[in-house]
Amino acid sequence: MLEIHYYFTPILDRMETFDQNDWYLNPIVTLATAKALRDAQDLPKDVCSLNACYDRLEKISLDFLTVNLYGRKQGRLYLLLLQELLEESTILDYTGQLRQKILSKIGVSTADFLEYRSFAKKHLSLMLQQFRRYEFEGAPAALIMTEEECLQVENCSHNVLQNYLHHIEKTA
């Protein structure tokens, strides 16, 4: 049995190949990830921009987790569409209208979406606690669990991790 929990930053960590994997995707919302996102998108290096990035990152993470309750495939599709729509803009362009556009494309009603929102908030809090408990310093990070051991990997992109896991499967 192999179980993989991948801690990532929505927008910064590209998700093209995740639809092929059965990994548990755990979005990370910290000031450090908000700062990295702000800097990667060349936004002003001030507290106002940092707070705005943190706010949008938290909203995106909560929206992803809420959609993920419909199934991990739906959650991944949400991320792929979101990343595609934000390619030509910044995270600050993430609004309720953009969320609604994505929800319509994946067939999730707003009423159903809002019903699960409070559960997603609790789930995000638990994910962040687990991230801190394993003493990760930054994302992306992963826990690779087998019946015998738990391997922690940090600052490893999903492509590198996927290649590593593919290599292990070939040699096992």
Protein backbone atom coordinates (compact mmCIF):
# COMPACT_ATOMS: atom_id res chain seq x y z
CA MET A 1 0.00 0.00 0.00
CA LEU A 2 1.36 3.42 -1.00
CA GLU A 3 -0.24 6.66 0.18
CA ILE A 4 1.06 10.07 -0.84
CA HIS A 5 0.10 13.38 0.71
CA TYR A 6 1.37 16.29 -1.36
CA TYR A 7 1.51 19.76 0.24
CA PHE A 8 1.54 22.41 -2.45
CA THR A 9 0.83 26.05 -3.14
CA PRO A 10 -2.01 26.57 -5.61
CA ILE A 11 -0.88 28.72 -8.55
CA LEU A 12 2.88 28.30 -7.87
CA ASP A 13 2.91 24.51 -8.23
CA ARG A 14 1.66 23.55 -11.69
CA MET A 15 -0.79 20.64 -11.76
CA GLU A 16 -0.76 19.35 -15.32
CA THR A 17 -0.03 15.70 -14.57
CA PHE A 18 -1.86 15.26 -11.29
CA ASP A 19 -4.99 13.93 -12.93
CA GLN A 20 -3.12 10.65 -13.47
CA ASN A 21 -2.29 10.21 -9.78
CA ASP A 22 -4.25 9.17 -6.73
CA TRP A 23 -2.37 11.51 -4.40
CA TYR A 24 -3.99 13.51 -1.62
CA LEU A 25 -3.50 17.16 -2.51
CA ASN A 26 -3.12 19.49 0.48
CA PRO A 27 -2.96 23.22 -0.27
CA ILE A 28 -0.69 25.25 1.99
CA VAL A 29 -1.54 28.75 3.15
CA THR A 30 1.20 30.47 5.12
CA LEU A 31 2.74 33.92 5.03
CA ALA A 32 5.84 32.38 3.47
CA THR A 33 3.80 30.89 0.60
CA ALA A 34 1.91 34.18 0.16
CA LYS A 35 5.25 36.03 0.02
CA ALA A 36 6.65 33.58 -2.54
CA LEU A 37 3.52 34.00 -4.63
CA ARG A 38 3.65 37.80 -4.37
CA ASP A 39 7.30 37.81 -5.44
CA ALA A 40 6.75 35.29 -8.26
CA GLN A 41 3.99 37.46 -9.70
CA ASP A 42 6.05 40.67 -9.43
CA LEU A 43 3.54 42.41 -7.19
CA PRO A 44 4.67 45.34 -5.05
CA LYS A 45 6.77 44.19 -2.09
CA ASP A 46 4.58 45.74 0.56
CA VAL A 47 2.31 44.54 3.36
CA CYS A 48 -0.85 45.38 1.41
CA SER A 49 0.15 43.08 -1.48
CA LEU A 50 1.25 40.37 0.94
CA ASN A 51 -2.10 40.47 2.74
CA ALA A 52 -3.99 40.42 -0.56
CA CYS A 53 -1.99 37.39 -1.76
CA TYR A 54 -2.58 35.61 1.53
CA ASP A 55 -6.31 36.34 1.32
CA ARG A 56 -6.62 35.04 -2.27
CA LEU A 57 -4.44 32.01 -1.54
CA GLU A 58 -6.69 31.13 1.40
CA LYS A 59 -9.84 31.58 -0.72
CA ILE A 60 -8.42 29.46 -3.54
CA SER A 61 -7.39 26.74 -1.07
CA LEU A 62 -10.82 26.72 0.57
CA ASP A 63 -12.54 26.66 -2.81
CA PHE A 64 -10.34 23.77 -3.95
CA LEU A 65 -11.04 21.80 -0.76
CA THR A 66 -14.76 22.46 -1.06
CA VAL A 67 -14.83 21.24 -4.66
CA ASN A 68 -12.60 18.32 -3.66
CA LEU A 69 -15.46 17.07 -1.47
CA TYR A 70 -17.25 16.21 -4.72
CA GLY A 71 -14.30 13.98 -5.56
CA ARG A 72 -10.58 14.37 -6.05
CA LYS A 73 -10.96 14.39 -9.82
CA GLN A 74 -13.31 17.40 -9.56
CA GLY A 75 -10.83 19.14 -7.26
CA ARG A 76 -7.98 18.58 -9.70
CA LEU A 77 -10.11 19.84 -12.58
CA TYR A 78 -10.88 22.97 -10.55
CA LEU A 79 -7.15 23.61 -10.06
CA LEU A 80 -6.32 23.00 -13.72
CA LEU A 81 -9.01 25.41 -14.90
CA LEU A 82 -8.03 28.00 -12.29
CA GLN A 83 -4.37 27.87 -13.26
CA GLU A 84 -5.29 28.15 -16.93
CA LEU A 85 -7.52 31.18 -16.32
CA LEU A 86 -4.90 32.94 -14.19
CA GLU A 87 -1.99 32.40 -16.61
CA GLU A 88 -2.33 35.86 -18.11
CA SER A 89 -3.15 37.67 -14.86
CA THR A 90 -2.29 37.58 -11.15
CA ILE A 91 -3.75 35.87 -8.14
CA LEU A 92 -5.38 39.19 -7.26
CA ASP A 93 -7.74 38.63 -10.19
CA TYR A 94 -9.31 35.67 -8.38
CA THR A 95 -12.86 36.75 -7.57
CA GLY A 96 -16.23 35.23 -6.84
CA GLN A 97 -17.10 35.66 -10.52
CA LEU A 98 -14.04 33.67 -11.61
CA ARG A 99 -14.88 30.96 -9.06
CA GLN A 100 -18.45 30.85 -10.39
CA LYS A 101 -17.19 30.51 -13.96
CA ILE A 102 -15.06 27.50 -12.98
CA LEU A 103 -17.86 25.93 -10.92
CA SER A 104 -20.19 26.21 -13.93
CA LYS A 105 -17.60 24.55 -16.19
CA ILE A 106 -17.19 21.58 -13.84
CA GLY A 107 -20.91 21.26 -13.08
CA VAL A 108 -21.00 22.22 -9.39
CA SER A 109 -23.90 24.36 -8.22
CA THR A 110 -23.23 27.39 -6.03
CA ALA A 111 -25.80 26.24 -3.43
CA ASP A 112 -24.10 22.85 -3.04
CA PHE A 113 -20.69 24.51 -2.99
CA LEU A 114 -21.64 26.90 -0.17
CA GLU A 115 -23.14 24.06 1.86
CA TYR A 116 -19.72 22.37 2.18
CA ARG A 117 -17.67 25.51 2.77
CA SER A 118 -17.55 25.25 6.61
CA PHE A 119 -16.25 21.68 6.41
CA ALA A 120 -13.48 22.83 4.03
CA LYS A 121 -12.39 25.51 6.54
CA LYS A 122 -11.97 22.87 9.26
CA HIS A 123 -10.16 20.58 6.84
CA LEU A 124 -7.70 23.32 5.80
CA SER A 125 -6.92 24.02 9.45
CA LEU A 126 -6.17 20.32 10.04
CA MET A 127 -3.91 20.19 6.96
CA LEU A 128 -1.90 23.17 8.16
CA GLN A 129 -1.54 21.60 11.60
CA GLN A 130 -0.26 18.40 10.01
CA PHE A 131 2.15 20.40 7.82
CA ARG A 132 3.59 22.06 10.94
CA ARG A 133 3.66 18.80 12.93
CA TYR A 134 5.93 17.25 10.30
CA GLU A 135 8.09 20.38 10.58
CA PHE A 136 8.02 21.20 6.90
CA GLU A 137 9.56 24.58 6.16
CA GLY A 138 8.07 25.15 2.73
CA ALA A 139 6.03 23.78 -0.12
CA PRO A 140 5.98 21.69 -2.18
CA ALA A 141 6.45 18.85 0.27
CA ALA A 142 5.22 15.28 0.49
CA LEU A 143 4.67 12.38 2.81
CA ILE A 144 5.14 9.02 1.14
CA MET A 145 3.68 6.33 3.37
CA THR A 146 3.98 2.60 3.04
CA GLU A 147 3.00 -0.08 5.51
CA GLU A 148 6.52 -0.02 6.99
CA GLU A 149 7.68 3.60 6.81
CA CYS A 150 6.91 7.25 6.21
CA LEU A 151 9.29 9.29 4.05
CA GLN A 152 9.21 13.08 4.20
CA VAL A 153 10.28 14.99 1.09
CA GLU A 154 10.52 18.77 0.96
CA ASN A 155 11.06 21.30 -1.83
CA CYS A 156 10.43 18.67 -4.47
CA SER A 157 8.23 19.47 -7.47
CA HIS A 158 5.48 17.07 -8.38
CA ASN A 159 7.32 16.09 -11.59
CA VAL A 160 10.47 15.11 -9.68
CA LEU A 161 8.40 13.27 -7.09
CA GLN A 162 6.41 11.50 -9.78
CA ASN A 163 9.60 10.39 -11.56
CA TYR A 164 11.02 9.14 -8.24
CA LEU A 165 7.88 7.12 -7.51
CA HIS A 166 7.84 5.71 -11.04
CA HIS A 167 11.48 4.62 -10.57
CA ILE A 168 10.62 2.93 -7.26
CA GLU A 169 7.74 1.03 -8.88
CA LYS A 170 10.05 -0.24 -11.63
CA THR A 171 12.71 -1.44 -9.19
CA ALA A 172 10.35 -2.88 -6.57
